[in-house]
Amino acid sequence: FRHPLPTAKVIERQAMLVLCLRFQGLVSALTRTVY
């Protein structure tokens, strides 16, 4: 899935997290992967 909405699935080995954060109106975006 290109847009993986979070589910109750248990993380086993790998996770990719995507964040858009709005601060004082302006949005910043980033993606990171952990193994």
PDB file of all heavy atoms in Angstrom:
ATOM      1  N   PHE A   1       0.829  -1.200   0.000  1.00  0.00           N
ATOM      2  CA  PHE A   1       0.000   0.000   0.000  1.00  0.00           C
ATOM      3  C   PHE A   1       0.869   1.256   0.000  1.00  0.00           C
ATOM      4  O   PHE A   1       1.732   1.409   0.854  1.00  0.00           O
ATOM      5  CB  PHE A   1      -0.924   0.017   1.225  1.00  0.00           C
ATOM      6  CG  PHE A   1      -1.734  -1.232   1.386  1.00  0.00           C
ATOM      7  CD1 PHE A   1      -1.534  -2.067   2.477  1.00  0.00           C
ATOM      8  CD2 PHE A   1      -2.672  -1.598   0.429  1.00  0.00           C
ATOM      9  CE1 PHE A   1      -2.265  -3.225   2.635  1.00  0.00           C
ATOM     10  CE2 PHE A   1      -3.407  -2.767   0.577  1.00  0.00           C
ATOM     11  CZ  PHE A   1      -3.209  -3.586   1.680  1.00  0.00           C
ATOM     12  N   ARG A   2       0.600   2.163  -0.946  1.00  0.00           N
ATOM     13  CA  ARG A   2       1.378   3.404  -1.013  1.00  0.00           C
ATOM     14  C   ARG A   2       0.979   4.364   0.109  1.00  0.00           C
ATOM     15  O   ARG A   2       1.791   5.176   0.543  1.00  0.00           O
ATOM     16  CB  ARG A   2       1.189   4.067  -2.378  1.00  0.00           C
ATOM     17  CG  ARG A   2       1.827   3.270  -3.526  1.00  0.00           C
ATOM     18  CD  ARG A   2       3.312   3.036  -3.274  1.00  0.00           C
ATOM     19  NE  ARG A   2       3.915   2.250  -4.320  1.00  0.00           N
ATOM     20  CZ  ARG A   2       4.565   2.761  -5.361  1.00  0.00           C
ATOM     21  NH1 ARG A   2       4.679   4.063  -5.492  1.00  0.00           N
ATOM     22  NH2 ARG A   2       5.094   1.971  -6.269  1.00  0.00           N
ATOM     23  N   HIS A   3      -0.269   4.314   0.547  1.00  0.00           N
ATOM     24  CA  HIS A   3      -0.721   5.147   1.662  1.00  0.00           C
ATOM     25  C   HIS A   3      -1.225   4.232   2.777  1.00  0.00           C
ATOM     26  O   HIS A   3      -2.429   4.043   2.961  1.00  0.00           O
ATOM     27  CB  HIS A   3      -1.842   6.100   1.228  1.00  0.00           C
ATOM     28  CG  HIS A   3      -1.367   7.220   0.367  1.00  0.00           C
ATOM     29  ND1 HIS A   3      -2.202   7.951  -0.440  1.00  0.00           N
ATOM     30  CD2 HIS A   3      -0.139   7.752   0.198  1.00  0.00           C
ATOM     31  CE1 HIS A   3      -1.509   8.880  -1.079  1.00  0.00           C
ATOM     32  NE2 HIS A   3      -0.250   8.772  -0.706  1.00  0.00           N
ATOM     33  N   PRO A   4      -0.296   3.645   3.545  1.00  0.00           N
ATOM     34  CA  PRO A   4      -0.702   2.680   4.573  1.00  0.00           C
ATOM     35  C   PRO A   4      -1.260   3.374   5.827  1.00  0.00           C
ATOM     36  O   PRO A   4      -0.509   3.811   6.709  1.00  0.00           O
ATOM     37  CB  PRO A   4       0.596   1.930   4.890  1.00  0.00           C
ATOM     38  CG  PRO A   4       1.672   2.943   4.612  1.00  0.00           C
ATOM     39  CD  PRO A   4       1.170   3.794   3.485  1.00  0.00           C
ATOM     40  N   LEU A   5      -2.571   3.503   5.903  1.00  0.00           N
ATOM     41  CA  LEU A   5      -3.170   4.006   7.138  1.00  0.00           C
ATOM     42  C   LEU A   5      -2.844   3.024   8.265  1.00  0.00           C
ATOM     43  O   LEU A   5      -2.842   1.813   8.059  1.00  0.00           O
ATOM     44  CB  LEU A   5      -4.679   4.135   6.976  1.00  0.00           C
ATOM     45  CG  LEU A   5      -5.157   5.199   5.973  1.00  0.00           C
ATOM     46  CD1 LEU A   5      -6.662   5.123   5.802  1.00  0.00           C
ATOM     47  CD2 LEU A   5      -4.740   6.582   6.423  1.00  0.00           C
ATOM     48  N   PRO A   6      -2.531   3.517   9.453  1.00  0.00           N
ATOM     49  CA  PRO A   6      -2.133   2.613  10.542  1.00  0.00           C
ATOM     50  C   PRO A   6      -3.261   1.677  10.943  1.00  0.00           C
ATOM     51  O   PRO A   6      -4.432   2.060  10.961  1.00  0.00           O
ATOM     52  CB  PRO A   6      -1.766   3.576  11.672  1.00  0.00           C
ATOM     53  CG  PRO A   6      -2.472   4.856  11.352  1.00  0.00           C
ATOM     54  CD  PRO A   6      -2.509   4.933   9.866  1.00  0.00           C
ATOM     55  N   THR A   7      -2.872   0.444  11.259  1.00  0.00           N
ATOM     56  CA  THR A   7      -3.825  -0.587  11.673  1.00  0.00           C
ATOM     57  C   THR A   7      -3.344  -1.212  12.981  1.00  0.00           C
ATOM     58  O   THR A   7      -2.310  -0.840  13.541  1.00  0.00           O
ATOM     59  CB  THR A   7      -3.938  -1.692  10.606  1.00  0.00           C
ATOM     60  OG1 THR A   7      -2.708  -2.445  10.590  1.00  0.00           O
ATOM     61  CG2 THR A   7      -4.183  -1.107   9.220  1.00  0.00           C
ATOM     62  N   ALA A   8      -4.103  -2.190  13.429  1.00  0.00           N
ATOM     63  CA  ALA A   8      -3.735  -2.909  14.651  1.00  0.00           C
ATOM     64  C   ALA A   8      -2.682  -3.983  14.393  1.00  0.00           C
ATOM     65  O   ALA A   8      -2.331  -4.731  15.316  1.00  0.00           O
ATOM     66  CB  ALA A   8      -4.982  -3.537  15.274  1.00  0.00           C
ATOM     67  N   LYS A   9      -2.152  -4.028  13.175  1.00  0.00           N
ATOM     68  CA  LYS A   9      -1.127  -5.024  12.862  1.00  0.00           C
ATOM     69  C   LYS A   9       0.103  -4.824  13.751  1.00  0.00           C
ATOM     70  O   LYS A   9       0.559  -3.696  13.976  1.00  0.00           O
ATOM     71  CB  LYS A   9      -0.706  -4.905  11.389  1.00  0.00           C
ATOM     72  CG  LYS A   9       0.380  -5.897  11.004  1.00  0.00           C
ATOM     73  CD  LYS A   9       0.970  -5.589   9.650  1.00  0.00           C
ATOM     74  CE  LYS A   9       2.171  -6.485   9.372  1.00  0.00           C
ATOM     75  NZ  LYS A   9       3.224  -6.383  10.390  1.00  0.00           N
ATOM     76  N   VAL A  10       0.664  -5.914  14.224  1.00  0.00           N
ATOM     77  CA  VAL A  10       1.870  -5.867  15.054  1.00  0.00           C
ATOM     78  C   VAL A  10       3.104  -5.690  14.171  1.00  0.00           C
ATOM     79  O   VAL A  10       3.237  -6.355  13.135  1.00  0.00           O
ATOM     80  CB  VAL A  10       1.998  -7.157  15.894  1.00  0.00           C
ATOM     81  CG1 VAL A  10       3.368  -7.229  16.580  1.00  0.00           C
ATOM     82  CG2 VAL A  10       0.879  -7.219  16.929  1.00  0.00           C
ATOM     83  N   ILE A  11       3.982  -4.783  14.550  1.00  0.00           N
ATOM     84  CA  ILE A  11       5.237  -4.566  13.829  1.00  0.00           C
ATOM     85  C   ILE A  11       6.194  -5.708  14.163  1.00  0.00           C
ATOM     86  O   ILE A  11       6.444  -5.994  15.339  1.00  0.00           O
ATOM     87  CB  ILE A  11       5.857  -3.213  14.218  1.00  0.00           C
ATOM     88  CG1 ILE A  11       4.909  -2.064  13.840  1.00  0.00           C
ATOM     89  CG2 ILE A  11       7.224  -3.028  13.561  1.00  0.00           C
ATOM     90  CD1 ILE A  11       5.316  -0.715  14.416  1.00  0.00           C
ATOM     91  N   GLU A  12       6.728  -6.333  13.124  1.00  0.00           N
ATOM     92  CA  GLU A  12       7.637  -7.450  13.337  1.00  0.00           C
ATOM     93  C   GLU A  12       9.085  -7.021  13.094  1.00  0.00           C
ATOM     94  O   GLU A  12       9.897  -6.994  14.014  1.00  0.00           O
ATOM     95  CB  GLU A  12       7.248  -8.620  12.425  1.00  0.00           C
ATOM     96  CG  GLU A  12       5.836  -9.132  12.690  1.00  0.00           C
ATOM     97  CD  GLU A  12       5.382 -10.142  11.668  1.00  0.00           C
ATOM     98  OE1 GLU A  12       6.250 -10.759  11.009  1.00  0.00           O
ATOM     99  OE2 GLU A  12       4.161 -10.309  11.495  1.00  0.00           O
ATOM    100  N   ARG A  13       9.419  -6.667  11.854  1.00  0.00           N
ATOM    101  CA  ARG A  13      10.803  -6.352  11.516  1.00  0.00           C
ATOM    102  C   ARG A  13      11.007  -4.922  11.029  1.00  0.00           C
ATOM    103  O   ARG A  13      12.045  -4.310  11.291  1.00  0.00           O
ATOM    104  CB  ARG A  13      11.297  -7.308  10.417  1.00  0.00           C
ATOM    105  CG  ARG A  13      11.678  -8.673  10.928  1.00  0.00           C
ATOM    106  CD  ARG A  13      12.958  -8.598  11.732  1.00  0.00           C
ATOM    107  NE  ARG A  13      13.509  -9.902  12.049  1.00  0.00           N
ATOM    108  CZ  ARG A  13      14.620 -10.099  12.750  1.00  0.00           C
ATOM    109  NH1 ARG A  13      15.300  -9.051  13.190  1.00  0.00           N
ATOM    110  NH2 ARG A  13      15.054 -11.303  12.998  1.00  0.00           N
ATOM    111  N   GLN A  14      10.021  -4.388  10.292  1.00  0.00           N
ATOM    112  CA  GLN A  14      10.247  -3.136   9.582  1.00  0.00           C
ATOM    113  C   GLN A  14       9.025  -2.236   9.709  1.00  0.00           C
ATOM    114  O   GLN A  14       7.886  -2.704   9.728  1.00  0.00           O
ATOM    115  CB  GLN A  14      10.517  -3.440   8.103  1.00  0.00           C
ATOM    116  CG  GLN A  14      10.786  -2.224   7.242  1.00  0.00           C
ATOM    117  CD  GLN A  14      10.880  -2.580   5.775  1.00  0.00           C
ATOM    118  OE1 GLN A  14      10.831  -3.752   5.402  1.00  0.00           O
ATOM    119  NE2 GLN A  14      11.008  -1.578   4.921  1.00  0.00           N
ATOM    120  N   ALA A  15       9.272  -0.923   9.780  1.00  0.00           N
ATOM    121  CA  ALA A  15       8.169   0.045   9.790  1.00  0.00           C
ATOM    122  C   ALA A  15       8.577   1.290   9.012  1.00  0.00           C
ATOM    123  O   ALA A  15       9.728   1.735   9.094  1.00  0.00           O
ATOM    124  CB  ALA A  15       7.788   0.416  11.218  1.00  0.00           C
ATOM    125  N   MET A  16       7.639   1.826   8.245  1.00  0.00           N
ATOM    126  CA  MET A  16       7.825   3.104   7.567  1.00  0.00           C
ATOM    127  C   MET A  16       6.812   4.087   8.139  1.00  0.00           C
ATOM    128  O   MET A  16       5.606   3.802   8.167  1.00  0.00           O
ATOM    129  CB  MET A  16       7.625   2.969   6.060  1.00  0.00           C
ATOM    130  CG  MET A  16       7.848   4.270   5.302  1.00  0.00           C
ATOM    131  SD  MET A  16       7.603   4.105   3.503  1.00  0.00           S
ATOM    132  CE  MET A  16       5.808   4.000   3.436  1.00  0.00           C
ATOM    133  N   LEU A  17       7.295   5.236   8.605  1.00  0.00           N
ATOM    134  CA  LEU A  17       6.442   6.254   9.201  1.00  0.00           C
ATOM    135  C   LEU A  17       6.453   7.501   8.325  1.00  0.00           C
ATOM    136  O   LEU A  17       7.518   7.936   7.862  1.00  0.00           O
ATOM    137  CB  LEU A  17       6.913   6.626  10.616  1.00  0.00           C
ATOM    138  CG  LEU A  17       6.445   5.728  11.768  1.00  0.00           C
ATOM    139  CD1 LEU A  17       6.965   4.303  11.605  1.00  0.00           C
ATOM    140  CD2 LEU A  17       6.906   6.304  13.106  1.00  0.00           C
ATOM    141  N   VAL A  18       5.274   8.064   8.100  1.00  0.00           N
ATOM    142  CA  VAL A  18       5.104   9.274   7.303  1.00  0.00           C
ATOM    143  C   VAL A  18       4.392  10.306   8.157  1.00  0.00           C
ATOM    144  O   VAL A  18       3.368   9.999   8.787  1.00  0.00           O
ATOM    145  CB  VAL A  18       4.281   8.995   6.028  1.00  0.00           C
ATOM    146  CG1 VAL A  18       4.128  10.261   5.198  1.00  0.00           C
ATOM    147  CG2 VAL A  18       4.899   7.870   5.213  1.00  0.00           C
ATOM    148  N   LEU A  19       4.914  11.528   8.166  1.00  0.00           N
ATOM    149  CA  LEU A  19       4.324  12.595   8.983  1.00  0.00           C
ATOM    150  C   LEU A  19       4.203  13.880   8.182  1.00  0.00           C
ATOM    151  O   LEU A  19       5.155  14.305   7.524  1.00  0.00           O
ATOM    152  CB  LEU A  19       5.199  12.859  10.215  1.00  0.00           C
ATOM    153  CG  LEU A  19       4.799  14.067  11.088  1.00  0.00           C
ATOM    154  CD1 LEU A  19       3.429  13.849  11.720  1.00  0.00           C
ATOM    155  CD2 LEU A  19       5.861  14.317  12.161  1.00  0.00           C
ATOM    156  N   CYS A  20       3.011  14.481   8.235  1.00  0.00           N
ATOM    157  CA  CYS A  20       2.833  15.887   7.847  1.00  0.00           C
ATOM    158  C   CYS A  20       2.437  16.631   9.108  1.00  0.00           C
ATOM    159  O   CYS A  20       1.424  16.288   9.734  1.00  0.00           O
ATOM    160  CB  CYS A  20       1.756  16.036   6.782  1.00  0.00           C
ATOM    161  SG  CYS A  20       2.215  15.439   5.154  1.00  0.00           S
ATOM    162  N   LEU A  21       3.240  17.603   9.486  1.00  0.00           N
ATOM    163  CA  LEU A  21       2.999  18.354  10.717  1.00  0.00           C
ATOM    164  C   LEU A  21       2.690  19.807  10.370  1.00  0.00           C
ATOM    165  O   LEU A  21       3.465  20.459   9.666  1.00  0.00           O
ATOM    166  CB  LEU A  21       4.215  18.275  11.640  1.00  0.00           C
ATOM    167  CG  LEU A  21       4.112  19.004  12.983  1.00  0.00           C
ATOM    168  CD1 LEU A  21       4.858  18.235  14.072  1.00  0.00           C
ATOM    169  CD2 LEU A  21       4.667  20.429  12.907  1.00  0.00           C
ATOM    170  N   ARG A  22       1.543  20.288  10.872  1.00  0.00           N
ATOM    171  CA  ARG A  22       1.181  21.692  10.665  1.00  0.00           C
ATOM    172  C   ARG A  22       1.559  22.498  11.903  1.00  0.00           C
ATOM    173  O   ARG A  22       1.169  22.169  13.018  1.00  0.00           O
ATOM    174  CB  ARG A  22      -0.320  21.834  10.398  1.00  0.00           C
ATOM    175  CG  ARG A  22      -0.743  23.290  10.143  1.00  0.00           C
ATOM    176  CD  ARG A  22      -2.141  23.383   9.590  1.00  0.00           C
ATOM    177  NE  ARG A  22      -3.122  22.806  10.486  1.00  0.00           N
ATOM    178  CZ  ARG A  22      -4.326  22.388  10.112  1.00  0.00           C
ATOM    179  NH1 ARG A  22      -4.676  22.453   8.844  1.00  0.00           N
ATOM    180  NH2 ARG A  22      -5.169  21.899  11.001  1.00  0.00           N
ATOM    181  N   PHE A  23       2.345  23.560  11.683  1.00  0.00           N
ATOM    182  CA  PHE A  23       2.770  24.445  12.768  1.00  0.00           C
ATOM    183  C   PHE A  23       2.532  25.880  12.319  1.00  0.00           C
ATOM    184  O   PHE A  23       3.091  26.310  11.307  1.00  0.00           O
ATOM    185  CB  PHE A  23       4.255  24.219  13.091  1.00  0.00           C
ATOM    186  CG  PHE A  23       4.800  25.159  14.121  1.00  0.00           C
ATOM    187  CD1 PHE A  23       4.478  25.007  15.459  1.00  0.00           C
ATOM    188  CD2 PHE A  23       5.629  26.213  13.749  1.00  0.00           C
ATOM    189  CE1 PHE A  23       4.980  25.881  16.411  1.00  0.00           C
ATOM    190  CE2 PHE A  23       6.136  27.084  14.691  1.00  0.00           C
ATOM    191  CZ  PHE A  23       5.804  26.922  16.032  1.00  0.00           C
ATOM    192  N   GLN A  24       1.664  26.572  13.042  1.00  0.00           N
ATOM    193  CA  GLN A  24       1.320  27.956  12.710  1.00  0.00           C
ATOM    194  C   GLN A  24       0.936  28.086  11.236  1.00  0.00           C
ATOM    195  O   GLN A  24       1.368  28.987  10.523  1.00  0.00           O
ATOM    196  CB  GLN A  24       2.455  28.897  13.091  1.00  0.00           C
ATOM    197  CG  GLN A  24       2.706  28.895  14.590  1.00  0.00           C
ATOM    198  CD  GLN A  24       3.746  29.883  15.049  1.00  0.00           C
ATOM    199  OE1 GLN A  24       4.369  30.575  14.258  1.00  0.00           O
ATOM    200  NE2 GLN A  24       3.945  29.981  16.357  1.00  0.00           N
ATOM    201  N   GLY A  25       0.119  27.143  10.803  1.00  0.00           N
ATOM    202  CA  GLY A  25      -0.440  27.167   9.466  1.00  0.00           C
ATOM    203  C   GLY A  25       0.358  26.442   8.415  1.00  0.00           C
ATOM    204  O   GLY A  25      -0.209  25.917   7.446  1.00  0.00           O
ATOM    205  N   LEU A  26       1.671  26.386   8.563  1.00  0.00           N
ATOM    206  CA  LEU A  26       2.538  25.813   7.536  1.00  0.00           C
ATOM    207  C   LEU A  26       2.813  24.332   7.804  1.00  0.00           C
ATOM    208  O   LEU A  26       2.988  23.916   8.952  1.00  0.00           O
ATOM    209  CB  LEU A  26       3.854  26.589   7.475  1.00  0.00           C
ATOM    210  CG  LEU A  26       3.705  28.007   6.916  1.00  0.00           C
ATOM    211  CD1 LEU A  26       4.840  28.902   7.389  1.00  0.00           C
ATOM    212  CD2 LEU A  26       3.653  27.982   5.400  1.00  0.00           C
ATOM    213  N   VAL A  27       2.883  23.554   6.724  1.00  0.00           N
ATOM    214  CA  VAL A  27       3.012  22.101   6.832  1.00  0.00           C
ATOM    215  C   VAL A  27       4.409  21.650   6.410  1.00  0.00           C
ATOM    216  O   VAL A  27       4.958  22.132   5.413  1.00  0.00           O
ATOM    217  CB  VAL A  27       1.958  21.402   5.947  1.00  0.00           C
ATOM    218  CG1 VAL A  27       2.081  19.887   6.058  1.00  0.00           C
ATOM    219  CG2 VAL A  27       0.553  21.854   6.334  1.00  0.00           C
ATOM    220  N   SER A  28       4.983  20.736   7.186  1.00  0.00           N
ATOM    221  CA  SER A  28       6.245  20.072   6.847  1.00  0.00           C
ATOM    222  C   SER A  28       5.971  18.578   6.714  1.00  0.00           C
ATOM    223  O   SER A  28       5.133  18.030   7.431  1.00  0.00           O
ATOM    224  CB  SER A  28       7.295  20.298   7.935  1.00  0.00           C
ATOM    225  OG  SER A  28       7.542  21.669   8.125  1.00  0.00           O
ATOM    226  N   ALA A  29       6.700  17.916   5.809  1.00  0.00           N
ATOM    227  CA  ALA A  29       6.469  16.492   5.551  1.00  0.00           C
ATOM    228  C   ALA A  29       7.792  15.739   5.517  1.00  0.00           C
ATOM    229  O   ALA A  29       8.803  16.256   5.036  1.00  0.00           O
ATOM    230  CB  ALA A  29       5.731  16.309   4.225  1.00  0.00           C
ATOM    231  N   LEU A  30       7.769  14.509   6.021  1.00  0.00           N
ATOM    232  CA  LEU A  30       8.949  13.642   5.927  1.00  0.00           C
ATOM    233  C   LEU A  30       8.544  12.192   6.111  1.00  0.00           C
ATOM    234  O   LEU A  30       7.489  11.892   6.675  1.00  0.00           O
ATOM    235  CB  LEU A  30      10.021  14.020   6.946  1.00  0.00           C
ATOM    236  CG  LEU A  30       9.798  13.690   8.430  1.00  0.00           C
ATOM    237  CD1 LEU A  30      11.134  13.745   9.184  1.00  0.00           C
ATOM    238  CD2 LEU A  30       8.796  14.627   9.074  1.00  0.00           C
ATOM    239  N   THR A  31       9.409  11.284   5.631  1.00  0.00           N
ATOM    240  CA  THR A  31       9.205   9.844   5.742  1.00  0.00           C
ATOM    241  C   THR A  31      10.500   9.204   6.220  1.00  0.00           C
ATOM    242  O   THR A  31      11.587   9.589   5.778  1.00  0.00           O
ATOM    243  CB  THR A  31       8.822   9.232   4.374  1.00  0.00           C
ATOM    244  OG1 THR A  31       7.573   9.766   3.955  1.00  0.00           O
ATOM    245  CG2 THR A  31       8.719   7.711   4.450  1.00  0.00           C
ATOM    246  N   ARG A  32      10.397   8.237   7.121  1.00  0.00           N
ATOM    247  CA  ARG A  32      11.569   7.498   7.585  1.00  0.00           C
ATOM    248  C   ARG A  32      11.218   6.019   7.769  1.00  0.00           C
ATOM    249  O   ARG A  32      10.071   5.668   8.052  1.00  0.00           O
ATOM    250  CB  ARG A  32      12.102   8.060   8.911  1.00  0.00           C
ATOM    251  CG  ARG A  32      12.671   9.472   8.836  1.00  0.00           C
ATOM    252  CD  ARG A  32      13.914   9.556   7.979  1.00  0.00           C
ATOM    253  NE  ARG A  32      14.533  10.873   8.019  1.00  0.00           N
ATOM    254  CZ  ARG A  32      14.253  11.869   7.177  1.00  0.00           C
ATOM    255  NH1 ARG A  32      13.315  11.689   6.253  1.00  0.00           N
ATOM    256  NH2 ARG A  32      14.875  13.024   7.270  1.00  0.00           N
ATOM    257  N   THR A  33      12.250   5.167   7.621  1.00  0.00           N
ATOM    258  CA  THR A  33      12.075   3.718   7.727  1.00  0.00           C
ATOM    259  C   THR A  33      13.034   3.153   8.764  1.00  0.00           C
ATOM    260  O   THR A  33      14.210   3.527   8.808  1.00  0.00           O
ATOM    261  CB  THR A  33      12.337   3.042   6.370  1.00  0.00           C
ATOM    262  OG1 THR A  33      11.368   3.520   5.426  1.00  0.00           O
ATOM    263  CG2 THR A  33      12.221   1.529   6.474  1.00  0.00           C
ATOM    264  N   VAL A  34      12.511   2.248   9.602  1.00  0.00           N
ATOM    265  CA  VAL A  34      13.322   1.587  10.620  1.00  0.00           C
ATOM    266  C   VAL A  34      13.228   0.071  10.418  1.00  0.00           C
ATOM    267  O   VAL A  34      12.176  -0.449  10.021  1.00  0.00           O
ATOM    268  CB  VAL A  34      12.845   1.974  12.044  1.00  0.00           C
ATOM    269  CG1 VAL A  34      11.383   1.597  12.262  1.00  0.00           C
ATOM    270  CG2 VAL A  34      13.729   1.334  13.110  1.00  0.00           C
ATOM    271  N   TYR A  35      14.358  -0.607  10.645  1.00  0.00           N
ATOM    272  CA  TYR A  35      14.399  -2.057  10.527  1.00  0.00           C
ATOM    273  C   TYR A  35      15.017  -2.620  11.804  1.00  0.00           C
ATOM    274  O   TYR A  35      16.094  -2.190  12.224  1.00  0.00           O
ATOM    275  CB  TYR A  35      15.229  -2.498   9.316  1.00  0.00           C
ATOM    276  CG  TYR A  35      15.019  -3.941   8.930  1.00  0.00           C
ATOM    277  CD1 TYR A  35      14.077  -4.288   7.967  1.00  0.00           C
ATOM    278  CD2 TYR A  35      15.748  -4.968   9.542  1.00  0.00           C
ATOM    279  CE1 TYR A  35      13.868  -5.614   7.618  1.00  0.00           C
ATOM    280  CE2 TYR A  35      15.539  -6.286   9.203  1.00  0.00           C
ATOM    281  CZ  TYR A  35      14.592  -6.603   8.246  1.00  0.00           C
ATOM    282  OH  TYR A  35      14.372  -7.926   7.910  1.00  0.00           O
TER     283      TYR A  35
END
